[in-house]
Structure formats: C-alpha cells, structure tokens
Amino acid sequence: SLPIMSGSGEQTPLGKQGKTLFIQERCMYCHNFSGRPDASYVGGAPVIGGQNKEYLVKVLKDIRSGVRKADMHDLMKKTLATQSDQHIDAIAEYLSGIK
C-alpha cells in the first residue's frame, strides 16, 4: 500500500551497480526488466519496480534472513544469501527508480 516512488534508477553509481546485480542474479526471469511480474511466471511475482527504496531494502533483508518467505522454492532466499547489505541497497536503489 506504499506509494510508488521514483528513485535514481541507474542514474547513480549505486543504481548502476544494482542494475548489474539484478541482471547477474537473473531477477528478471520472475520480475522482468521493468520490475513487474513476467507473464510466463505462474507464481505471481510482486511489482518491485518503482517501489519505495527503504521498503525494498527491508523486504530483501527479511527474505535473506528467513523472516519473510517470498516463494515456495526459496529461490529469493537462496539468491539473497550471497548478497551483502551494500548489494541489497544497490538493488533497491535501482528498482526504486524504474517504472
């Protein structure tokens, strides 16, 4: 229910790093390059593009720690397990700025 916010996307070095990580970790297979669910993904991935950055950081860290479940196969948790806080911040910076 948070308002969609416009961040810097890939306009900053941190956002550029976030885009690289988003692609490297193959996030677009479920969330598409626009941060919206891919039509072929049956699980119903949430809209993450344009979301509030602080919200994204919290959710990603909660998924990484296991406090929040994201998908039935724990793909998000497995992917985020190797990501540092800085990486999560970069991914959130990128995602908050795309529409």
PDB file of N, CA and C in Angstrom:
ATOM      1  N   SER A   1       0.808  -1.201   0.000  1.00  0.00           N
ATOM      2  CA  SER A   1       0.000   0.000   0.000  1.00  0.00           C
ATOM      3  C   SER A   1       0.852   1.266   0.000  1.00  0.00           C
ATOM      4  N   LEU A   2       2.171   1.121  -0.016  1.00  0.00           N
ATOM      5  CA  LEU A   2       3.037   2.299  -0.082  1.00  0.00           C
ATOM      6  C   LEU A   2       2.951   2.925  -1.466  1.00  0.00           C
ATOM      7  N   PRO A   3       3.107   4.237  -1.537  1.00  0.00           N
ATOM      8  CA  PRO A   3       3.057   4.875  -2.855  1.00  0.00           C
ATOM      9  C   PRO A   3       4.266   4.484  -3.698  1.00  0.00           C
ATOM     10  N   ILE A   4       4.043   4.390  -5.012  1.00  0.00           N
ATOM     11  CA  ILE A   4       5.146   4.125  -5.932  1.00  0.00           C
ATOM     12  C   ILE A   4       6.041   5.349  -5.926  1.00  0.00           C
ATOM     13  N   MET A   5       7.333   5.147  -5.771  1.00  0.00           N
ATOM     14  CA  MET A   5       8.265   6.262  -5.696  1.00  0.00           C
ATOM     15  C   MET A   5       9.269   6.185  -6.819  1.00  0.00           C
ATOM     16  N   SER A   6       9.705   7.303  -7.238  1.00  0.00           N
ATOM     17  CA  SER A   6      10.719   7.371  -8.271  1.00  0.00           C
ATOM     18  C   SER A   6      12.067   7.602  -7.604  1.00  0.00           C
ATOM     19  N   GLY A   7      12.985   6.703  -7.794  1.00  0.00           N
ATOM     20  CA  GLY A   7      14.335   6.861  -7.279  1.00  0.00           C
ATOM     21  C   GLY A   7      15.259   7.205  -8.420  1.00  0.00           C
ATOM     22  N   SER A   8      16.528   6.962  -8.240  1.00  0.00           N
ATOM     23  CA  SER A   8      17.502   7.340  -9.263  1.00  0.00           C
ATOM     24  C   SER A   8      17.701   6.276 -10.332  1.00  0.00           C
ATOM     25  N   GLY A   9      17.190   5.076 -10.109  1.00  0.00           N
ATOM     26  CA  GLY A   9      17.399   4.018 -11.083  1.00  0.00           C
ATOM     27  C   GLY A   9      18.871   3.826 -11.354  1.00  0.00           C
ATOM     28  N   GLU A  10      19.232   3.839 -12.610  1.00  0.00           N
ATOM     29  CA  GLU A  10      20.645   3.634 -12.949  1.00  0.00           C
ATOM     30  C   GLU A  10      21.370   4.955 -13.201  1.00  0.00           C
ATOM     31  N   GLN A  11      20.854   6.041 -12.648  1.00  0.00           N
ATOM     32  CA  GLN A  11      21.468   7.351 -12.840  1.00  0.00           C
ATOM     33  C   GLN A  11      22.650   7.602 -11.917  1.00  0.00           C
ATOM     34  N   THR A  12      22.834   6.773 -10.901  1.00  0.00           N
ATOM     35  CA  THR A  12      23.933   6.924  -9.954  1.00  0.00           C
ATOM     36  C   THR A  12      24.823   5.679 -10.022  1.00  0.00           C
ATOM     37  N   PRO A  13      26.046   5.783  -9.529  1.00  0.00           N
ATOM     38  CA  PRO A  13      26.899   4.583  -9.489  1.00  0.00           C
ATOM     39  C   PRO A  13      26.256   3.433  -8.705  1.00  0.00           C
ATOM     40  N   LEU A  14      25.570   3.764  -7.598  1.00  0.00           N
ATOM     41  CA  LEU A  14      24.912   2.726  -6.811  1.00  0.00           C
ATOM     42  C   LEU A  14      23.789   2.076  -7.606  1.00  0.00           C
ATOM     43  N   GLY A  15      23.013   2.874  -8.317  1.00  0.00           N
ATOM     44  CA  GLY A  15      21.935   2.345  -9.153  1.00  0.00           C
ATOM     45  C   GLY A  15      22.461   1.495 -10.293  1.00  0.00           C
ATOM     46  N   LYS A  16      23.574   1.907 -10.885  1.00  0.00           N
ATOM     47  CA  LYS A  16      24.196   1.122 -11.965  1.00  0.00           C
ATOM     48  C   LYS A  16      24.656  -0.232 -11.443  1.00  0.00           C
ATOM     49  N   GLN A  17      25.222  -0.224 -10.238  1.00  0.00           N
ATOM     50  CA  GLN A  17      25.641  -1.485  -9.616  1.00  0.00           C
ATOM     51  C   GLN A  17      24.421  -2.371  -9.368  1.00  0.00           C
ATOM     52  N   GLY A  18      23.336  -1.754  -8.918  1.00  0.00           N
ATOM     53  CA  GLY A  18      22.103  -2.502  -8.665  1.00  0.00           C
ATOM     54  C   GLY A  18      21.556  -3.149  -9.919  1.00  0.00           C
ATOM     55  N   LYS A  19      21.605  -2.423 -11.029  1.00  0.00           N
ATOM     56  CA  LYS A  19      21.130  -2.991 -12.297  1.00  0.00           C
ATOM     57  C   LYS A  19      21.989  -4.181 -12.699  1.00  0.00           C
ATOM     58  N   THR A  20      23.293  -4.052 -12.540  1.00  0.00           N
ATOM     59  CA  THR A  20      24.211  -5.147 -12.860  1.00  0.00           C
ATOM     60  C   THR A  20      23.880  -6.377 -12.009  1.00  0.00           C
ATOM     61  N   LEU A  21      23.657  -6.169 -10.716  1.00  0.00           N
ATOM     62  CA  LEU A  21      23.329  -7.291  -9.827  1.00  0.00           C
ATOM     63  C   LEU A  21      21.974  -7.900 -10.186  1.00  0.00           C
ATOM     64  N   PHE A  22      21.001  -7.066 -10.515  1.00  0.00           N
ATOM     65  CA  PHE A  22      19.672  -7.528 -10.914  1.00  0.00           C
ATOM     66  C   PHE A  22      19.771  -8.469 -12.112  1.00  0.00           C
ATOM     67  N   ILE A  23      20.600  -8.094 -13.070  1.00  0.00           N
ATOM     68  CA  ILE A  23      20.800  -8.922 -14.268  1.00  0.00           C
ATOM     69  C   ILE A  23      21.634 -10.154 -13.932  1.00  0.00           C
ATOM     70  N   GLN A  24      22.721  -9.959 -13.215  1.00  0.00           N
ATOM     71  CA  GLN A  24      23.634 -11.049 -12.859  1.00  0.00           C
ATOM     72  C   GLN A  24      22.916 -12.158 -12.080  1.00  0.00           C
ATOM     73  N   GLU A  25      22.019 -11.771 -11.191  1.00  0.00           N
ATOM     74  CA  GLU A  25      21.309 -12.757 -10.368  1.00  0.00           C
ATOM     75  C   GLU A  25      20.037 -13.285 -11.031  1.00  0.00           C
ATOM     76  N   ARG A  26      19.802 -12.846 -12.267  1.00  0.00           N
ATOM     77  CA  ARG A  26      18.681 -13.320 -13.089  1.00  0.00           C
ATOM     78  C   ARG A  26      17.312 -12.998 -12.493  1.00  0.00           C
ATOM     79  N   CYS A  27      17.213 -11.868 -11.817  1.00  0.00           N
ATOM     80  CA  CYS A  27      15.951 -11.445 -11.193  1.00  0.00           C
ATOM     81  C   CYS A  27      14.866 -11.204 -12.233  1.00  0.00           C
ATOM     82  N   MET A  28      15.286 -10.858 -13.454  1.00  0.00           N
ATOM     83  CA  MET A  28      14.317 -10.507 -14.493  1.00  0.00           C
ATOM     84  C   MET A  28      13.500 -11.707 -14.975  1.00  0.00           C
ATOM     85  N   TYR A  29      13.917 -12.914 -14.620  1.00  0.00           N
ATOM     86  CA  TYR A  29      13.140 -14.074 -15.043  1.00  0.00           C
ATOM     87  C   TYR A  29      11.772 -14.132 -14.352  1.00  0.00           C
ATOM     88  N   CYS A  30      11.689 -13.587 -13.166  1.00  0.00           N
ATOM     89  CA  CYS A  30      10.404 -13.541 -12.462  1.00  0.00           C
ATOM     90  C   CYS A  30       9.822 -12.130 -12.422  1.00  0.00           C
ATOM     91  N   HIS A  31      10.696 -11.123 -12.368  1.00  0.00           N
ATOM     92  CA  HIS A  31      10.244  -9.746 -12.197  1.00  0.00           C
ATOM     93  C   HIS A  31      10.348  -8.896 -13.458  1.00  0.00           C
ATOM     94  N   ASN A  32      10.854  -9.455 -14.547  1.00  0.00           N
ATOM     95  CA  ASN A  32      11.008  -8.742 -15.807  1.00  0.00           C
ATOM     96  C   ASN A  32      11.969  -7.560 -15.629  1.00  0.00           C
ATOM     97  N   PHE A  33      12.410  -6.970 -16.701  1.00  0.00           N
ATOM     98  CA  PHE A  33      13.339  -5.846 -16.624  1.00  0.00           C
ATOM     99  C   PHE A  33      12.672  -4.575 -16.100  1.00  0.00           C
ATOM    100  N   SER A  34      11.348  -4.531 -16.135  1.00  0.00           N
ATOM    101  CA  SER A  34      10.625  -3.356 -15.649  1.00  0.00           C
ATOM    102  C   SER A  34      10.260  -3.482 -14.168  1.00  0.00           C
ATOM    103  N   GLY A  35      10.621  -4.596 -13.547  1.00  0.00           N
ATOM    104  CA  GLY A  35      10.276  -4.806 -12.149  1.00  0.00           C
ATOM    105  C   GLY A  35       8.832  -5.225 -11.948  1.00  0.00           C
ATOM    106  N   ARG A  36       8.202  -5.680 -13.017  1.00  0.00           N
ATOM    107  CA  ARG A  36       6.834  -6.188 -12.965  1.00  0.00           C
ATOM    108  C   ARG A  36       6.860  -7.683 -13.232  1.00  0.00           C
ATOM    109  N   PRO A  37       5.856  -8.410 -12.759  1.00  0.00           N
ATOM    110  CA  PRO A  37       5.861  -9.862 -12.961  1.00  0.00           C
ATOM    111  C   PRO A  37       5.904 -10.225 -14.441  1.00  0.00           C
ATOM    112  N   ASP A  38       6.731 -11.192 -14.763  1.00  0.00           N
ATOM    113  CA  ASP A  38       6.779 -11.703 -16.121  1.00  0.00           C
ATOM    114  C   ASP A  38       5.510 -12.520 -16.361  1.00  0.00           C
ATOM    115  N   ALA A  39       4.901 -12.340 -17.509  1.00  0.00           N
ATOM    116  CA  ALA A  39       3.642 -13.029 -17.829  1.00  0.00           C
ATOM    117  C   ALA A  39       3.791 -14.550 -17.787  1.00  0.00           C
ATOM    118  N   SER A  40       4.994 -15.053 -18.046  1.00  0.00           N
ATOM    119  CA  SER A  40       5.189 -16.504 -18.058  1.00  0.00           C
ATOM    120  C   SER A  40       5.398 -17.078 -16.660  1.00  0.00           C
ATOM    121  N   TYR A  41       5.584 -16.215 -15.663  1.00  0.00           N
ATOM    122  CA  TYR A  41       5.816 -16.684 -14.300  1.00  0.00           C
ATOM    123  C   TYR A  41       4.480 -16.957 -13.622  1.00  0.00           C
ATOM    124  N   VAL A  42       4.255 -18.199 -13.270  1.00  0.00           N
ATOM    125  CA  VAL A  42       2.970 -18.628 -12.728  1.00  0.00           C
ATOM    126  C   VAL A  42       2.792 -18.219 -11.267  1.00  0.00           C
ATOM    127  N   GLY A  43       3.870 -18.041 -10.539  1.00  0.00           N
ATOM    128  CA  GLY A  43       3.792 -17.783  -9.104  1.00  0.00           C
ATOM    129  C   GLY A  43       3.286 -16.423  -8.697  1.00  0.00           C
ATOM    130  N   GLY A  44       3.160 -15.499  -9.622  1.00  0.00           N
ATOM    131  CA  GLY A  44       2.645 -14.178  -9.279  1.00  0.00           C
ATOM    132  C   GLY A  44       3.652 -13.305  -8.563  1.00  0.00           C
ATOM    133  N   ALA A  45       4.782 -13.070  -9.167  1.00  0.00           N
ATOM    134  CA  ALA A  45       5.808 -12.217  -8.567  1.00  0.00           C
ATOM    135  C   ALA A  45       5.252 -10.808  -8.360  1.00  0.00           C
ATOM    136  N   PRO A  46       5.620 -10.151  -7.267  1.00  0.00           N
ATOM    137  CA  PRO A  46       5.095  -8.809  -6.998  1.00  0.00           C
ATOM    138  C   PRO A  46       5.749  -7.737  -7.872  1.00  0.00           C
ATOM    139  N   VAL A  47       5.086  -6.594  -7.963  1.00  0.00           N
ATOM    140  CA  VAL A  47       5.662  -5.434  -8.634  1.00  0.00           C
ATOM    141  C   VAL A  47       6.735  -4.869  -7.709  1.00  0.00           C
ATOM    142  N   ILE A  48       7.957  -4.769  -8.211  1.00  0.00           N
ATOM    143  CA  ILE A  48       9.046  -4.216  -7.404  1.00  0.00           C
ATOM    144  C   ILE A  48       9.641  -2.963  -8.035  1.00  0.00           C
ATOM    145  N   GLY A  49       9.385  -2.735  -9.307  1.00  0.00           N
ATOM    146  CA  GLY A  49       9.889  -1.540  -9.973  1.00  0.00           C
ATOM    147  C   GLY A  49       9.130  -0.308  -9.513  1.00  0.00           C
ATOM    148  N   GLY A  50       9.857   0.718  -9.058  1.00  0.00           N
ATOM    149  CA  GLY A  50       9.235   1.952  -8.610  1.00  0.00           C
ATOM    150  C   GLY A  50       8.777   1.927  -7.161  1.00  0.00           C
ATOM    151  N   GLN A  51       9.046   0.826  -6.453  1.00  0.00           N
ATOM    152  CA  GLN A  51       8.661   0.753  -5.045  1.00  0.00           C
ATOM    153  C   GLN A  51       9.558   1.644  -4.192  1.00  0.00           C
ATOM    154  N   ASN A  52       9.110   1.939  -3.010  1.00  0.00           N
ATOM    155  CA  ASN A  52       9.858   2.720  -2.034  1.00  0.00           C
ATOM    156  C   ASN A  52      11.164   1.997  -1.701  1.00  0.00           C
ATOM    157  N   LYS A  53      12.283   2.710  -1.781  1.00  0.00           N
ATOM    158  CA  LYS A  53      13.600   2.078  -1.577  1.00  0.00           C
ATOM    159  C   LYS A  53      13.741   1.468  -0.188  1.00  0.00           C
ATOM    160  N   GLU A  54      13.353   2.194   0.839  1.00  0.00           N
ATOM    161  CA  GLU A  54      13.505   1.676   2.203  1.00  0.00           C
ATOM    162  C   GLU A  54      12.673   0.399   2.402  1.00  0.00           C
ATOM    163  N   TYR A  55      11.499   0.379   1.792  1.00  0.00           N
ATOM    164  CA  TYR A  55      10.652  -0.812   1.854  1.00  0.00           C
ATOM    165  C   TYR A  55      11.349  -1.991   1.178  1.00  0.00           C
ATOM    166  N   LEU A  56      11.906  -1.757  -0.010  1.00  0.00           N
ATOM    167  CA  LEU A  56      12.603  -2.826  -0.727  1.00  0.00           C
ATOM    168  C   LEU A  56      13.783  -3.364   0.078  1.00  0.00           C
ATOM    169  N   VAL A  57      14.566  -2.472   0.678  1.00  0.00           N
ATOM    170  CA  VAL A  57      15.713  -2.900   1.490  1.00  0.00           C
ATOM    171  C   VAL A  57      15.233  -3.801   2.623  1.00  0.00           C
ATOM    172  N   LYS A  58      14.188  -3.375   3.339  1.00  0.00           N
ATOM    173  CA  LYS A  58      13.674  -4.167   4.456  1.00  0.00           C
ATOM    174  C   LYS A  58      13.183  -5.535   3.990  1.00  0.00           C
ATOM    175  N   VAL A  59      12.398  -5.557   2.929  1.00  0.00           N
ATOM    176  CA  VAL A  59      11.846  -6.820   2.433  1.00  0.00           C
ATOM    177  C   VAL A  59      12.966  -7.759   1.988  1.00  0.00           C
ATOM    178  N   LEU A  60      13.932  -7.236   1.241  1.00  0.00           N
ATOM    179  CA  LEU A  60      15.030  -8.080   0.755  1.00  0.00           C
ATOM    180  C   LEU A  60      15.845  -8.649   1.920  1.00  0.00           C
ATOM    181  N   LYS A  61      16.099  -7.841   2.937  1.00  0.00           N
ATOM    182  CA  LYS A  61      16.838  -8.333   4.107  1.00  0.00           C
ATOM    183  C   LYS A  61      16.012  -9.351   4.891  1.00  0.00           C
ATOM    184  N   ASP A  62      14.706  -9.108   4.988  1.00  0.00           N
ATOM    185  CA  ASP A  62      13.833 -10.062   5.690  1.00  0.00           C
ATOM    186  C   ASP A  62      13.780 -11.399   4.956  1.00  0.00           C
ATOM    187  N   ILE A  63      13.766 -11.359   3.639  1.00  0.00           N
ATOM    188  CA  ILE A  63      13.774 -12.602   2.857  1.00  0.00           C
ATOM    189  C   ILE A  63      15.112 -13.318   3.042  1.00  0.00           C
ATOM    190  N   ARG A  64      16.194 -12.556   2.985  1.00  0.00           N
ATOM    191  CA  ARG A  64      17.533 -13.145   3.151  1.00  0.00           C
ATOM    192  C   ARG A  64      17.673 -13.842   4.499  1.00  0.00           C
ATOM    193  N   SER A  65      17.137 -13.235   5.558  1.00  0.00           N
ATOM    194  CA  SER A  65      17.275 -13.807   6.902  1.00  0.00           C
ATOM    195  C   SER A  65      16.259 -14.908   7.195  1.00  0.00           C
ATOM    196  N   GLY A  66      15.247 -15.032   6.339  1.00  0.00           N
ATOM    197  CA  GLY A  66      14.228 -16.045   6.554  1.00  0.00           C
ATOM    198  C   GLY A  66      13.029 -15.553   7.350  1.00  0.00           C
ATOM    199  N   VAL A  67      13.040 -14.281   7.758  1.00  0.00           N
ATOM    200  CA  VAL A  67      11.914 -13.703   8.484  1.00  0.00           C
ATOM    201  C   VAL A  67      10.676 -13.642   7.600  1.00  0.00           C
ATOM    202  N   ARG A  68      10.891 -13.448   6.311  1.00  0.00           N
ATOM    203  CA  ARG A  68       9.794 -13.358   5.352  1.00  0.00           C
ATOM    204  C   ARG A  68       9.996 -14.395   4.255  1.00  0.00           C
ATOM    205  N   LYS A  69       8.948 -15.103   3.923  1.00  0.00           N
ATOM    206  CA  LYS A  69       9.006 -16.083   2.841  1.00  0.00           C
ATOM    207  C   LYS A  69       8.581 -15.392   1.552  1.00  0.00           C
ATOM    208  N   ALA A  70       9.287 -15.670   0.466  1.00  0.00           N
ATOM    209  CA  ALA A  70       8.998 -14.995  -0.791  1.00  0.00           C
ATOM    210  C   ALA A  70       8.388 -15.923  -1.835  1.00  0.00           C
ATOM    211  N   ASP A  71       8.859 -17.138  -1.905  1.00  0.00           N
ATOM    212  CA  ASP A  71       8.348 -18.065  -2.917  1.00  0.00           C
ATOM    213  C   ASP A  71       8.473 -19.484  -2.380  1.00  0.00           C
ATOM    214  N   MET A  72       7.702 -20.374  -2.962  1.00  0.00           N
ATOM    215  CA  MET A  72       7.620 -21.725  -2.406  1.00  0.00           C
ATOM    216  C   MET A  72       8.904 -22.535  -2.565  1.00  0.00           C
ATOM    217  N   HIS A  73       9.797 -22.113  -3.417  1.00  0.00           N
ATOM    218  CA  HIS A  73      11.055 -22.856  -3.601  1.00  0.00           C
ATOM    219  C   HIS A  73      12.249 -22.155  -2.957  1.00  0.00           C
ATOM    220  N   ASP A  74      11.999 -21.066  -2.255  1.00  0.00           N
ATOM    221  CA  ASP A  74      13.044 -20.279  -1.583  1.00  0.00           C
ATOM    222  C   ASP A  74      14.126 -19.785  -2.540  1.00  0.00           C
ATOM    223  N   LEU A  75      13.758 -19.547  -3.791  1.00  0.00           N
ATOM    224  CA  LEU A  75      14.730 -19.035  -4.760  1.00  0.00           C
ATOM    225  C   LEU A  75      15.257 -17.663  -4.354  1.00  0.00           C
ATOM    226  N   MET A  76      14.356 -16.812  -3.862  1.00  0.00           N
ATOM    227  CA  MET A  76      14.775 -15.475  -3.438  1.00  0.00           C
ATOM    228  C   MET A  76      15.753 -15.573  -2.263  1.00  0.00           C
ATOM    229  N   LYS A  77      15.435 -16.425  -1.299  1.00  0.00           N
ATOM    230  CA  LYS A  77      16.311 -16.565  -0.130  1.00  0.00           C
ATOM    231  C   LYS A  77      17.689 -17.083  -0.549  1.00  0.00           C
ATOM    232  N   LYS A  78      17.703 -18.051  -1.443  1.00  0.00           N
ATOM    233  CA  LYS A  78      18.975 -18.602  -1.919  1.00  0.00           C
ATOM    234  C   LYS A  78      19.781 -17.552  -2.680  1.00  0.00           C
ATOM    235  N   THR A  79      19.105 -16.756  -3.487  1.00  0.00           N
ATOM    236  CA  THR A  79      19.782 -15.714  -4.248  1.00  0.00           C
ATOM    237  C   THR A  79      20.311 -14.634  -3.315  1.00  0.00           C
ATOM    238  N   LEU A  80      19.502 -14.212  -2.372  1.00  0.00           N
ATOM    239  CA  LEU A  80      19.900 -13.124  -1.469  1.00  0.00           C
ATOM    240  C   LEU A  80      20.922 -13.555  -0.433  1.00  0.00           C
ATOM    241  N   ALA A  81      21.060 -14.852  -0.198  1.00  0.00           N
ATOM    242  CA  ALA A  81      22.016 -15.348   0.799  1.00  0.00           C
ATOM    243  C   ALA A  81      23.442 -14.909   0.487  1.00  0.00           C
ATOM    244  N   THR A  82      23.745 -14.699  -0.781  1.00  0.00           N
ATOM    245  CA  THR A  82      25.107 -14.316  -1.175  1.00  0.00           C
ATOM    246  C   THR A  82      25.264 -12.802  -1.342  1.00  0.00           C
ATOM    247  N   GLN A  83      24.197 -12.053  -1.089  1.00  0.00           N
ATOM    248  CA  GLN A  83      24.239 -10.608  -1.293  1.00  0.00           C
ATOM    249  C   GLN A  83      24.515  -9.875   0.023  1.00  0.00           C
ATOM    250  N   SER A  84      25.453  -8.940  -0.020  1.00  0.00           N
ATOM    251  CA  SER A  84      25.778  -8.119   1.151  1.00  0.00           C
ATOM    252  C   SER A  84      24.706  -7.046   1.333  1.00  0.00           C
ATOM    253  N   ASP A  85      24.756  -6.372   2.469  1.00  0.00           N
ATOM    254  CA  ASP A  85      23.848  -5.242   2.690  1.00  0.00           C
ATOM    255  C   ASP A  85      24.043  -4.177   1.615  1.00  0.00           C
ATOM    256  N   GLN A  86      25.290  -3.952   1.202  1.00  0.00           N
ATOM    257  CA  GLN A  86      25.570  -2.960   0.156  1.00  0.00           C
ATOM    258  C   GLN A  86      24.924  -3.388  -1.167  1.00  0.00           C
ATOM    259  N   HIS A  87      24.988  -4.661  -1.483  1.00  0.00           N
ATOM    260  CA  HIS A  87      24.363  -5.158  -2.708  1.00  0.00           C
ATOM    261  C   HIS A  87      22.842  -4.971  -2.659  1.00  0.00           C
ATOM    262  N   ILE A  88      22.252  -5.278  -1.522  1.00  0.00           N
ATOM    263  CA  ILE A  88      20.809  -5.099  -1.365  1.00  0.00           C
ATOM    264  C   ILE A  88      20.445  -3.634  -1.516  1.00  0.00           C
ATOM    265  N   ASP A  89      21.248  -2.754  -0.945  1.00  0.00           N
ATOM    266  CA  ASP A  89      20.999  -1.319  -1.077  1.00  0.00           C
ATOM    267  C   ASP A  89      21.087  -0.884  -2.541  1.00  0.00           C
ATOM    268  N   ALA A  90      22.054  -1.422  -3.264  1.00  0.00           N
ATOM    269  CA  ALA A  90      22.216  -1.087  -4.683  1.00  0.00           C
ATOM    270  C   ALA A  90      21.038  -1.591  -5.511  1.00  0.00           C
ATOM    271  N   ILE A  91      20.602  -2.804  -5.268  1.00  0.00           N
ATOM    272  CA  ILE A  91      19.456  -3.359  -5.991  1.00  0.00           C
ATOM    273  C   ILE A  91      18.207  -2.524  -5.709  1.00  0.00           C
ATOM    274  N   ALA A  92      18.009  -2.162  -4.448  1.00  0.00           N
ATOM    275  CA  ALA A  92      16.850  -1.340  -4.076  1.00  0.00           C
ATOM    276  C   ALA A  92      16.929   0.046  -4.707  1.00  0.00           C
ATOM    277  N   GLU A  93      18.123   0.605  -4.788  1.00  0.00           N
ATOM    278  CA  GLU A  93      18.311   1.912  -5.444  1.00  0.00           C
ATOM    279  C   GLU A  93      17.886   1.829  -6.906  1.00  0.00           C
ATOM    280  N   TYR A  94      18.336   0.796  -7.572  1.00  0.00           N
ATOM    281  CA  TYR A  94      17.974   0.603  -8.980  1.00  0.00           C
ATOM    282  C   TYR A  94      16.471   0.415  -9.150  1.00  0.00           C
ATOM    283  N   LEU A  95      15.912  -0.516  -8.379  1.00  0.00           N
ATOM    284  CA  LEU A  95      14.494  -0.834  -8.529  1.00  0.00           C
ATOM    285  C   LEU A  95      13.586   0.335  -8.203  1.00  0.00           C
ATOM    286  N   SER A  96      13.951   1.137  -7.221  1.00  0.00           N
ATOM    287  CA  SER A  96      13.084   2.255  -6.822  1.00  0.00           C
ATOM    288  C   SER A  96      13.003   3.311  -7.919  1.00  0.00           C
ATOM    289  N   GLY A  97      13.938   3.292  -8.828  1.00  0.00           N
ATOM    290  CA  GLY A  97      13.966   4.309  -9.874  1.00  0.00           C
ATOM    291  C   GLY A  97      13.477   3.865 -11.234  1.00  0.00           C
ATOM    292  N   ILE A  98      13.004   2.630 -11.357  1.00  0.00           N
ATOM    293  CA  ILE A  98      12.483   2.195 -12.666  1.00  0.00           C
ATOM    294  C   ILE A  98      10.967   2.179 -12.627  1.00  0.00           C
ATOM    295  N   LYS A  99      10.380   2.337 -13.789  1.00  0.00           N
ATOM    296  CA  LYS A  99       8.914   2.345 -13.870  1.00  0.00           C
ATOM    297  C   LYS A  99       8.438   1.329 -14.868  1.00  0.00           C
TER     298      LYS A  99
END
